[in-house]
Amino acid sequence: MTSNRASVWVAAAAVILVAGSTASAQQSRPNGANGGMDNSYQATQFGPTNNPYSDYPAAEVQAIPAARARAAIAKMELLRAQADLNRGTRAAVRSFDKSDDVTKATNEQQQAYQQYQAARERALQPLRDDKDYQAAQVMKEEIGKKIAARHAEATPDKPVPMSEIFPMAWLKLSYSMRMTQRESEALRHNAEVNDARNRLASATNRVTTLRNRFDQDLREDPDLIAARRAVFDQKVAMIAAQTYMAGLYEARGIAIDYAYFIRRHNPYRVMGYDPYGFNRYYAY
């Protein structure tokens, strides 16, 4: 009788232990044996299978390549607009330089300059035989040679004293002023030189007038105005694309930091174990 009673007690104890272990196993799960939301319980995994929602900033990260491509396109569009503007400007300048009016005015200016130089040489020819003029020219050249020789003899340790150079330079300048004064007197009273100078000034004024008029036309040309406007618009587009790309980089950094810290500081994770299957710790 005693042995049968002992066997009954052992069997009852075994049933209680099995029931207790089953209950404790069910309590260790987040929502009971069937999970409360699912018919079967799945173990925690590091994959998207049982974690369809993620804090990873996929949209911000994937937007960066497209923004960089748009910024590159905007830059190349700006370069193309600048090239079109430069090409149009050069074409207008070439057309102006090859025009009949400019060609004629330029040729007249060159001829007037040559005539003035020839008249000037003829007016100064008497001075070539003047002894005072020749003496001043010789002294000027000799003093210039002496100054050059003193500079050639100088070294970094022994520079040329200004007390030596200044008197020679002043003497050379005085001879040059004397020669210039004689030349000015000879040219001032020469009618041929005055007529040639007037023709040269008139031809130069015609060329200057044509170029000033062309500069004004170049500013008001409709095609070039449109080209300059296109360059400005492309500058605005490039700045906007670069600013947008910089904003995306900043937003991506903020999103990645948010995803990192919200997973790293999960209050529901104890000792590295996340019983609820979300906000799990990932090593970045």
C-alpha atoms as a PDB file:
ATOM      1  CA  MET A   1       0.000   0.000   0.000  1.00  0.00           C
ATOM      2  CA  THR A   2       2.796   2.331   0.917  1.00  0.00           C
ATOM      3  CA  SER A   3       4.627   1.728  -2.364  1.00  0.00           C
ATOM      4  CA  ASN A   4       1.442   2.348  -4.374  1.00  0.00           C
ATOM      5  CA  ARG A   5       0.830   5.599  -2.502  1.00  0.00           C
ATOM      6  CA  ALA A   6       4.411   6.702  -3.180  1.00  0.00           C
ATOM      7  CA  SER A   7       4.006   5.952  -6.871  1.00  0.00           C
ATOM      8  CA  VAL A   8       0.867   8.099  -7.006  1.00  0.00           C
ATOM      9  CA  TRP A   9       2.676  11.010  -5.330  1.00  0.00           C
ATOM     10  CA  VAL A  10       5.601  10.723  -7.775  1.00  0.00           C
ATOM     11  CA  ALA A  11       3.259  10.716 -10.753  1.00  0.00           C
ATOM     12  CA  ALA A  12       1.420  13.761  -9.426  1.00  0.00           C
ATOM     13  CA  ALA A  13       4.670  15.619  -8.864  1.00  0.00           C
ATOM     14  CA  ALA A  14       5.786  14.864 -12.416  1.00  0.00           C
ATOM     15  CA  VAL A  15       2.511  16.203 -13.824  1.00  0.00           C
ATOM     16  CA  ILE A  16       2.890  19.401 -11.785  1.00  0.00           C
ATOM     17  CA  LEU A  17       6.476  19.921 -12.980  1.00  0.00           C
ATOM     18  CA  VAL A  18       5.535  19.419 -16.606  1.00  0.00           C
ATOM     19  CA  ALA A  19       2.606  21.822 -16.278  1.00  0.00           C
ATOM     20  CA  GLY A  20       4.821  24.405 -14.556  1.00  0.00           C
ATOM     21  CA  SER A  21       7.508  24.236 -17.187  1.00  0.00           C
ATOM     22  CA  THR A  22       4.915  24.623 -19.931  1.00  0.00           C
ATOM     23  CA  ALA A  23       3.392  27.641 -18.220  1.00  0.00           C
ATOM     24  CA  SER A  24       6.771  29.265 -17.636  1.00  0.00           C
ATOM     25  CA  ALA A  25       7.695  28.708 -21.280  1.00  0.00           C
ATOM     26  CA  GLN A  26       4.471  30.366 -22.363  1.00  0.00           C
ATOM     27  CA  GLN A  27       5.043  33.299 -20.019  1.00  0.00           C
ATOM     28  CA  SER A  28       8.537  33.897 -21.403  1.00  0.00           C
ATOM     29  CA  ARG A  29       7.045  34.758 -24.803  1.00  0.00           C
ATOM     30  CA  PRO A  30       5.841  38.297 -25.460  1.00  0.00           C
ATOM     31  CA  ASN A  31       2.196  37.568 -26.201  1.00  0.00           C
ATOM     32  CA  GLY A  32       1.524  34.008 -25.027  1.00  0.00           C
ATOM     33  CA  ALA A  33       2.031  30.743 -26.814  1.00  0.00           C
ATOM     34  CA  ASN A  34       0.681  31.949 -30.144  1.00  0.00           C
ATOM     35  CA  GLY A  35       2.148  35.459 -29.894  1.00  0.00           C
ATOM     36  CA  GLY A  36      -1.215  37.176 -29.649  1.00  0.00           C
ATOM     37  CA  MET A  37      -0.883  38.408 -33.262  1.00  0.00           C
ATOM     38  CA  ASP A  38       0.481  35.388 -35.038  1.00  0.00           C
ATOM     39  CA  ASN A  39      -0.362  31.703 -34.985  1.00  0.00           C
ATOM     40  CA  SER A  40       3.274  30.669 -34.656  1.00  0.00           C
ATOM     41  CA  TYR A  41       6.126  32.182 -32.714  1.00  0.00           C
ATOM     42  CA  GLN A  42       9.284  33.044 -34.666  1.00  0.00           C
ATOM     43  CA  ALA A  43      12.664  33.487 -33.120  1.00  0.00           C
ATOM     44  CA  THR A  44      14.369  36.880 -33.287  1.00  0.00           C
ATOM     45  CA  GLN A  45      16.380  37.200 -36.511  1.00  0.00           C
ATOM     46  CA  PHE A  46      18.632  39.894 -38.006  1.00  0.00           C
ATOM     47  CA  GLY A  47      16.761  40.172 -41.263  1.00  0.00           C
ATOM     48  CA  PRO A  48      13.740  41.807 -42.879  1.00  0.00           C
ATOM     49  CA  THR A  49      11.624  38.636 -42.652  1.00  0.00           C
ATOM     50  CA  ASN A  50      10.087  39.310 -39.269  1.00  0.00           C
ATOM     51  CA  ASN A  51      10.919  43.108 -39.284  1.00  0.00           C
ATOM     52  CA  PRO A  52       9.100  44.690 -42.232  1.00  0.00           C
ATOM     53  CA  TYR A  53       9.402  48.183 -40.707  1.00  0.00           C
ATOM     54  CA  SER A  54      12.883  49.700 -40.492  1.00  0.00           C
ATOM     55  CA  ASP A  55      14.374  52.973 -39.337  1.00  0.00           C
ATOM     56  CA  TYR A  56      17.087  52.821 -42.013  1.00  0.00           C
ATOM     57  CA  PRO A  57      16.899  56.101 -44.049  1.00  0.00           C
ATOM     58  CA  ALA A  58      16.619  54.442 -47.450  1.00  0.00           C
ATOM     59  CA  ALA A  59      14.873  57.386 -49.122  1.00  0.00           C
ATOM     60  CA  GLU A  60      17.480  59.900 -47.968  1.00  0.00           C
ATOM     61  CA  VAL A  61      20.368  57.651 -48.968  1.00  0.00           C
ATOM     62  CA  GLN A  62      18.926  56.770 -52.363  1.00  0.00           C
ATOM     63  CA  ALA A  63      18.214  60.434 -53.157  1.00  0.00           C
ATOM     64  CA  ILE A  64      21.929  61.360 -53.034  1.00  0.00           C
ATOM     65  CA  PRO A  65      22.996  59.834 -56.415  1.00  0.00           C
ATOM     66  CA  ALA A  66      20.128  61.526 -58.230  1.00  0.00           C
ATOM     67  CA  ALA A  67      20.965  64.860 -56.599  1.00  0.00           C
ATOM     68  CA  ARG A  68      24.628  64.523 -57.552  1.00  0.00           C
ATOM     69  CA  ALA A  69      23.620  63.720 -61.129  1.00  0.00           C
ATOM     70  CA  ARG A  70      21.392  66.802 -61.246  1.00  0.00           C
ATOM     71  CA  ALA A  71      24.213  68.963 -59.876  1.00  0.00           C
ATOM     72  CA  ALA A  72      26.621  67.609 -62.521  1.00  0.00           C
ATOM     73  CA  ILE A  73      24.084  68.243 -65.277  1.00  0.00           C
ATOM     74  CA  ALA A  74      23.516  71.799 -64.038  1.00  0.00           C
ATOM     75  CA  LYS A  75      27.262  72.453 -64.062  1.00  0.00           C
ATOM     76  CA  MET A  76      27.674  71.173 -67.609  1.00  0.00           C
ATOM     77  CA  GLU A  77      24.642  73.167 -68.740  1.00  0.00           C
ATOM     78  CA  LEU A  78      26.284  76.289 -67.312  1.00  0.00           C
ATOM     79  CA  LEU A  79      29.521  75.538 -69.158  1.00  0.00           C
ATOM     80  CA  ARG A  80      27.597  75.047 -72.384  1.00  0.00           C
ATOM     81  CA  ALA A  81      25.730  78.337 -71.923  1.00  0.00           C
ATOM     82  CA  GLN A  82      29.004  80.157 -71.279  1.00  0.00           C
ATOM     83  CA  ALA A  83      30.532  78.544 -74.377  1.00  0.00           C
ATOM     84  CA  ASP A  84      27.556  79.661 -76.474  1.00  0.00           C
ATOM     85  CA  LEU A  85      27.902  83.219 -75.160  1.00  0.00           C
ATOM     86  CA  ASN A  86      31.641  83.286 -75.865  1.00  0.00           C
ATOM     87  CA  ARG A  87      31.138  81.820 -79.316  1.00  0.00           C
ATOM     88  CA  GLY A  88      28.512  84.404 -80.192  1.00  0.00           C
ATOM     89  CA  THR A  89      30.647  87.275 -78.888  1.00  0.00           C
ATOM     90  CA  ARG A  90      33.717  86.152 -80.835  1.00  0.00           C
ATOM     91  CA  ALA A  91      31.649  85.785 -83.995  1.00  0.00           C
ATOM     92  CA  ALA A  92      30.326  89.334 -83.617  1.00  0.00           C
ATOM     93  CA  VAL A  93      33.855  90.692 -83.042  1.00  0.00           C
ATOM     94  CA  ARG A  94      35.216  88.872 -86.103  1.00  0.00           C
ATOM     95  CA  SER A  95      32.364  90.184 -88.225  1.00  0.00           C
ATOM     96  CA  PHE A  96      33.048  93.717 -87.006  1.00  0.00           C
ATOM     97  CA  ASP A  97      36.793  93.532 -87.636  1.00  0.00           C
ATOM     98  CA  LYS A  98      36.215  92.246 -91.191  1.00  0.00           C
ATOM     99  CA  SER A  99      33.574  94.821 -92.065  1.00  0.00           C
ATOM    100  CA  ASP A 100      34.285  97.310 -94.856  1.00  0.00           C
ATOM    101  CA  ASP A 101      33.995 100.400 -92.642  1.00  0.00           C
ATOM    102  CA  VAL A 102      36.440  99.108 -90.038  1.00  0.00           C
ATOM    103  CA  THR A 103      38.893  97.846 -92.641  1.00  0.00           C
ATOM    104  CA  LYS A 104      38.874 101.190 -94.450  1.00  0.00           C
ATOM    105  CA  ALA A 105      39.208 103.223 -91.244  1.00  0.00           C
ATOM    106  CA  THR A 106      42.057 101.030 -89.959  1.00  0.00           C
ATOM    107  CA  ASN A 107      43.969 101.306 -93.229  1.00  0.00           C
ATOM    108  CA  GLU A 108      43.579 105.098 -93.191  1.00  0.00           C
ATOM    109  CA  GLN A 109      44.861 105.194 -89.610  1.00  0.00           C
ATOM    110  CA  GLN A 110      47.947 103.146 -90.512  1.00  0.00           C
ATOM    111  CA  GLN A 111      48.672 105.304 -93.545  1.00  0.00           C
ATOM    112  CA  ALA A 112      48.275 108.473 -91.479  1.00  0.00           C
ATOM    113  CA  TYR A 113      50.664 107.111 -88.851  1.00  0.00           C
ATOM    114  CA  GLN A 114      53.288 106.261 -91.476  1.00  0.00           C
ATOM    115  CA  GLN A 115      52.945 109.705 -93.017  1.00  0.00           C
ATOM    116  CA  TYR A 116      53.347 111.325 -89.606  1.00  0.00           C
ATOM    117  CA  GLN A 117      56.497 109.321 -88.871  1.00  0.00           C
ATOM    118  CA  ALA A 118      57.971 110.272 -92.243  1.00  0.00           C
ATOM    119  CA  ALA A 119      57.160 113.957 -91.733  1.00  0.00           C
ATOM    120  CA  ARG A 120      58.636 113.835 -88.235  1.00  0.00           C
ATOM    121  CA  GLU A 121      61.892 112.337 -89.498  1.00  0.00           C
ATOM    122  CA  ARG A 122      62.187 115.024 -92.154  1.00  0.00           C
ATOM    123  CA  ALA A 123      61.529 117.744 -89.594  1.00  0.00           C
ATOM    124  CA  LEU A 124      64.179 116.377 -87.225  1.00  0.00           C
ATOM    125  CA  GLN A 125      66.774 115.893 -89.956  1.00  0.00           C
ATOM    126  CA  PRO A 126      68.411 119.327 -89.401  1.00  0.00           C
ATOM    127  CA  LEU A 127      69.029 118.390 -85.768  1.00  0.00           C
ATOM    128  CA  ARG A 128      71.156 115.435 -86.863  1.00  0.00           C
ATOM    129  CA  ASP A 129      73.735 117.966 -88.112  1.00  0.00           C
ATOM    130  CA  ASP A 130      73.461 120.259 -85.088  1.00  0.00           C
ATOM    131  CA  LYS A 131      76.571 120.004 -82.882  1.00  0.00           C
ATOM    132  CA  ASP A 132      74.832 120.853 -79.606  1.00  0.00           C
ATOM    133  CA  TYR A 133      72.145 118.266 -80.261  1.00  0.00           C
ATOM    134  CA  GLN A 134      74.721 115.630 -81.185  1.00  0.00           C
ATOM    135  CA  ALA A 135      76.814 116.410 -78.094  1.00  0.00           C
ATOM    136  CA  ALA A 136      73.757 116.057 -75.838  1.00  0.00           C
ATOM    137  CA  GLN A 137      72.915 112.732 -77.476  1.00  0.00           C
ATOM    138  CA  VAL A 138      76.466 111.439 -76.999  1.00  0.00           C
ATOM    139  CA  MET A 139      76.557 112.468 -73.345  1.00  0.00           C
ATOM    140  CA  LYS A 140      73.206 110.871 -72.721  1.00  0.00           C
ATOM    141  CA  GLU A 141      74.373 107.557 -74.179  1.00  0.00           C
ATOM    142  CA  GLU A 142      77.692 107.590 -72.265  1.00  0.00           C
ATOM    143  CA  ILE A 143      76.032 108.324 -68.930  1.00  0.00           C
ATOM    144  CA  GLY A 144      73.533 105.561 -69.590  1.00  0.00           C
ATOM    145  CA  LYS A 145      76.386 103.111 -70.195  1.00  0.00           C
ATOM    146  CA  LYS A 146      78.112 104.153 -66.966  1.00  0.00           C
ATOM    147  CA  ILE A 147      74.926 103.607 -64.948  1.00  0.00           C
ATOM    148  CA  ALA A 148      74.470 100.173 -66.516  1.00  0.00           C
ATOM    149  CA  ALA A 149      78.104  99.275 -65.775  1.00  0.00           C
ATOM    150  CA  ARG A 150      77.769 100.259 -62.115  1.00  0.00           C
ATOM    151  CA  HIS A 151      74.643  98.128 -61.770  1.00  0.00           C
ATOM    152  CA  ALA A 152      76.482  95.204 -63.404  1.00  0.00           C
ATOM    153  CA  GLU A 153      79.360  95.483 -60.916  1.00  0.00           C
ATOM    154  CA  ALA A 154      77.035  95.482 -57.922  1.00  0.00           C
ATOM    155  CA  THR A 155      76.574  92.355 -55.806  1.00  0.00           C
ATOM    156  CA  PRO A 156      74.062  91.445 -53.110  1.00  0.00           C
ATOM    157  CA  ASP A 157      76.729  92.153 -50.500  1.00  0.00           C
ATOM    158  CA  LYS A 158      77.816  95.438 -52.106  1.00  0.00           C
ATOM    159  CA  PRO A 159      74.891  97.204 -53.763  1.00  0.00           C
ATOM    160  CA  VAL A 160      75.376 100.348 -55.787  1.00  0.00           C
ATOM    161  CA  PRO A 161      75.268 103.438 -53.534  1.00  0.00           C
ATOM    162  CA  MET A 162      72.474 105.783 -54.490  1.00  0.00           C
ATOM    163  CA  SER A 163      74.841 108.649 -53.893  1.00  0.00           C
ATOM    164  CA  GLU A 164      76.667 107.538 -57.079  1.00  0.00           C
ATOM    165  CA  ILE A 165      73.646 106.632 -59.224  1.00  0.00           C
ATOM    166  CA  PHE A 166      71.486 109.652 -58.466  1.00  0.00           C
ATOM    167  CA  PRO A 167      73.880 112.375 -59.824  1.00  0.00           C
ATOM    168  CA  MET A 168      74.486 110.407 -63.037  1.00  0.00           C
ATOM    169  CA  ALA A 169      70.757 109.759 -63.510  1.00  0.00           C
ATOM    170  CA  TRP A 170      69.986 113.442 -62.957  1.00  0.00           C
ATOM    171  CA  LEU A 171      72.662 114.464 -65.487  1.00  0.00           C
ATOM    172  CA  LYS A 172      71.272 111.978 -68.037  1.00  0.00           C
ATOM    173  CA  LEU A 173      67.770 113.333 -67.508  1.00  0.00           C
ATOM    174  CA  SER A 174      68.970 116.910 -68.067  1.00  0.00           C
ATOM    175  CA  TYR A 175      70.541 115.963 -71.432  1.00  0.00           C
ATOM    176  CA  SER A 176      67.347 114.107 -72.409  1.00  0.00           C
ATOM    177  CA  MET A 177      65.216 117.129 -71.540  1.00  0.00           C
ATOM    178  CA  ARG A 178      67.492 119.351 -73.594  1.00  0.00           C
ATOM    179  CA  MET A 179      67.148 117.044 -76.620  1.00  0.00           C
ATOM    180  CA  THR A 180      63.389 116.784 -76.195  1.00  0.00           C
ATOM    181  CA  GLN A 181      63.057 120.549 -76.040  1.00  0.00           C
ATOM    182  CA  ARG A 182      64.983 120.971 -79.290  1.00  0.00           C
ATOM    183  CA  GLU A 183      62.849 118.308 -80.991  1.00  0.00           C
ATOM    184  CA  SER A 184      59.608 119.888 -79.788  1.00  0.00           C
ATOM    185  CA  GLU A 185      60.644 123.290 -81.152  1.00  0.00           C
ATOM    186  CA  ALA A 186      61.541 121.764 -84.504  1.00  0.00           C
ATOM    187  CA  LEU A 187      58.246 119.852 -84.770  1.00  0.00           C
ATOM    188  CA  ARG A 188      56.031 122.691 -83.508  1.00  0.00           C
ATOM    189  CA  HIS A 189      57.005 125.048 -86.327  1.00  0.00           C
ATOM    190  CA  ASN A 190      56.811 122.438 -89.110  1.00  0.00           C
ATOM    191  CA  ALA A 191      53.599 122.671 -91.173  1.00  0.00           C
ATOM    192  CA  GLU A 192      53.989 119.216 -92.713  1.00  0.00           C
ATOM    193  CA  VAL A 193      54.208 117.594 -89.284  1.00  0.00           C
ATOM    194  CA  ASN A 194      51.147 119.490 -88.066  1.00  0.00           C
ATOM    195  CA  ASP A 195      49.093 118.414 -91.080  1.00  0.00           C
ATOM    196  CA  ALA A 196      50.180 114.786 -90.669  1.00  0.00           C
ATOM    197  CA  ARG A 197      49.356 114.893 -86.955  1.00  0.00           C
ATOM    198  CA  ASN A 198      45.877 116.235 -87.696  1.00  0.00           C
ATOM    199  CA  ARG A 199      45.227 113.519 -90.275  1.00  0.00           C
ATOM    200  CA  LEU A 200      46.375 110.861 -87.791  1.00  0.00           C
ATOM    201  CA  ALA A 201      44.100 112.246 -85.071  1.00  0.00           C
ATOM    202  CA  SER A 202      41.137 112.330 -87.448  1.00  0.00           C
ATOM    203  CA  ALA A 203      41.704 108.724 -88.582  1.00  0.00           C
ATOM    204  CA  THR A 204      42.107 107.572 -84.984  1.00  0.00           C
ATOM    205  CA  ASN A 205      38.848 109.310 -84.026  1.00  0.00           C
ATOM    206  CA  ARG A 206      36.992 107.481 -86.818  1.00  0.00           C
ATOM    207  CA  VAL A 207      38.279 104.110 -85.624  1.00  0.00           C
ATOM    208  CA  THR A 208      37.417 104.952 -82.021  1.00  0.00           C
ATOM    209  CA  THR A 209      33.897 106.017 -83.019  1.00  0.00           C
ATOM    210  CA  LEU A 210      33.309 102.770 -84.877  1.00  0.00           C
ATOM    211  CA  ARG A 211      34.521 100.685 -81.944  1.00  0.00           C
ATOM    212  CA  ASN A 212      32.406 102.610 -79.436  1.00  0.00           C
ATOM    213  CA  ARG A 213      29.351 102.124 -81.619  1.00  0.00           C
ATOM    214  CA  PHE A 214      30.115  98.416 -81.925  1.00  0.00           C
ATOM    215  CA  ASP A 215      30.459  98.100 -78.135  1.00  0.00           C
ATOM    216  CA  GLN A 216      27.011  99.638 -77.720  1.00  0.00           C
ATOM    217  CA  ASP A 217      25.520  97.373 -80.393  1.00  0.00           C
ATOM    218  CA  LEU A 218      27.148  94.375 -78.761  1.00  0.00           C
ATOM    219  CA  ARG A 219      25.432  95.155 -75.458  1.00  0.00           C
ATOM    220  CA  GLU A 220      22.055  95.563 -77.155  1.00  0.00           C
ATOM    221  CA  ASP A 221      22.254  92.556 -79.475  1.00  0.00           C
ATOM    222  CA  PRO A 222      19.125  90.385 -78.869  1.00  0.00           C
ATOM    223  CA  ASP A 223      20.945  87.089 -79.393  1.00  0.00           C
ATOM    224  CA  LEU A 224      23.707  87.998 -76.953  1.00  0.00           C
ATOM    225  CA  ILE A 225      21.178  89.296 -74.434  1.00  0.00           C
ATOM    226  CA  ALA A 226      19.392  85.933 -74.600  1.00  0.00           C
ATOM    227  CA  ALA A 227      22.731  84.131 -74.247  1.00  0.00           C
ATOM    228  CA  ARG A 228      23.669  86.177 -71.174  1.00  0.00           C
ATOM    229  CA  ARG A 229      20.251  85.513 -69.664  1.00  0.00           C
ATOM    230  CA  ALA A 230      20.736  81.784 -70.310  1.00  0.00           C
ATOM    231  CA  VAL A 231      24.089  81.893 -68.509  1.00  0.00           C
ATOM    232  CA  PHE A 232      22.499  83.609 -65.525  1.00  0.00           C
ATOM    233  CA  ASP A 233      19.640  81.088 -65.437  1.00  0.00           C
ATOM    234  CA  GLN A 234      22.087  78.193 -65.541  1.00  0.00           C
ATOM    235  CA  LYS A 235      24.046  79.737 -62.678  1.00  0.00           C
ATOM    236  CA  VAL A 236      20.860  79.870 -60.638  1.00  0.00           C
ATOM    237  CA  ALA A 237      20.048  76.261 -61.558  1.00  0.00           C
ATOM    238  CA  MET A 238      23.542  75.069 -60.618  1.00  0.00           C
ATOM    239  CA  ILE A 239      23.448  76.877 -57.261  1.00  0.00           C
ATOM    240  CA  ALA A 240      20.000  75.428 -56.555  1.00  0.00           C
ATOM    241  CA  ALA A 241      21.138  71.890 -57.469  1.00  0.00           C
ATOM    242  CA  GLN A 242      24.250  72.160 -55.304  1.00  0.00           C
ATOM    243  CA  THR A 243      22.239  73.560 -52.398  1.00  0.00           C
ATOM    244  CA  TYR A 244      19.682  70.772 -52.738  1.00  0.00           C
ATOM    245  CA  MET A 245      22.455  68.157 -52.773  1.00  0.00           C
ATOM    246  CA  ALA A 246      24.048  69.704 -49.671  1.00  0.00           C
ATOM    247  CA  GLY A 247      20.658  69.604 -47.939  1.00  0.00           C
ATOM    248  CA  LEU A 248      20.249  65.955 -48.834  1.00  0.00           C
ATOM    249  CA  TYR A 249      23.653  65.160 -47.381  1.00  0.00           C
ATOM    250  CA  GLU A 250      22.665  66.906 -44.159  1.00  0.00           C
ATOM    251  CA  ALA A 251      19.282  65.166 -44.052  1.00  0.00           C
ATOM    252  CA  ARG A 252      20.933  61.814 -44.693  1.00  0.00           C
ATOM    253  CA  GLY A 253      23.345  62.361 -41.820  1.00  0.00           C
ATOM    254  CA  ILE A 254      20.529  63.342 -39.482  1.00  0.00           C
ATOM    255  CA  ALA A 255      18.458  60.303 -40.510  1.00  0.00           C
ATOM    256  CA  ILE A 256      21.379  57.886 -40.078  1.00  0.00           C
ATOM    257  CA  ASP A 257      22.192  59.346 -36.656  1.00  0.00           C
ATOM    258  CA  TYR A 258      18.536  59.034 -35.661  1.00  0.00           C
ATOM    259  CA  ALA A 259      18.342  55.413 -36.780  1.00  0.00           C
ATOM    260  CA  TYR A 260      21.598  54.616 -35.005  1.00  0.00           C
ATOM    261  CA  PHE A 261      20.749  56.187 -31.675  1.00  0.00           C
ATOM    262  CA  ILE A 262      17.137  55.013 -31.524  1.00  0.00           C
ATOM    263  CA  ARG A 263      18.359  51.437 -31.880  1.00  0.00           C
ATOM    264  CA  ARG A 264      21.336  51.847 -29.602  1.00  0.00           C
ATOM    265  CA  HIS A 265      19.336  53.318 -26.714  1.00  0.00           C
ATOM    266  CA  ASN A 266      16.336  50.974 -26.721  1.00  0.00           C
ATOM    267  CA  PRO A 267      14.756  50.945 -23.221  1.00  0.00           C
ATOM    268  CA  TYR A 268      13.019  47.614 -23.935  1.00  0.00           C
ATOM    269  CA  ARG A 269      16.220  45.738 -24.656  1.00  0.00           C
ATOM    270  CA  VAL A 270      17.793  44.072 -21.611  1.00  0.00           C
ATOM    271  CA  MET A 271      21.330  42.707 -21.781  1.00  0.00           C
ATOM    272  CA  GLY A 272      21.316  42.675 -25.582  1.00  0.00           C
ATOM    273  CA  TYR A 273      18.047  40.721 -25.886  1.00  0.00           C
ATOM    274  CA  ASP A 274      15.009  42.361 -27.470  1.00  0.00           C
ATOM    275  CA  PRO A 275      11.909  40.361 -26.463  1.00  0.00           C
ATOM    276  CA  TYR A 276       9.529  42.306 -28.732  1.00  0.00           C
ATOM    277  CA  GLY A 277      11.250  41.847 -32.074  1.00  0.00           C
ATOM    278  CA  PHE A 278      11.750  45.550 -32.931  1.00  0.00           C
ATOM    279  CA  ASN A 279      14.384  48.211 -32.323  1.00  0.00           C
ATOM    280  CA  ARG A 280      17.039  45.539 -32.231  1.00  0.00           C
ATOM    281  CA  TYR A 281      20.670  46.430 -31.866  1.00  0.00           C
ATOM    282  CA  TYR A 282      22.702  46.411 -35.049  1.00  0.00           C
ATOM    283  CA  ALA A 283      26.413  47.025 -35.178  1.00  0.00           C
ATOM    284  CA  TYR A 284      27.221  49.793 -37.697  1.00  0.00           C
END
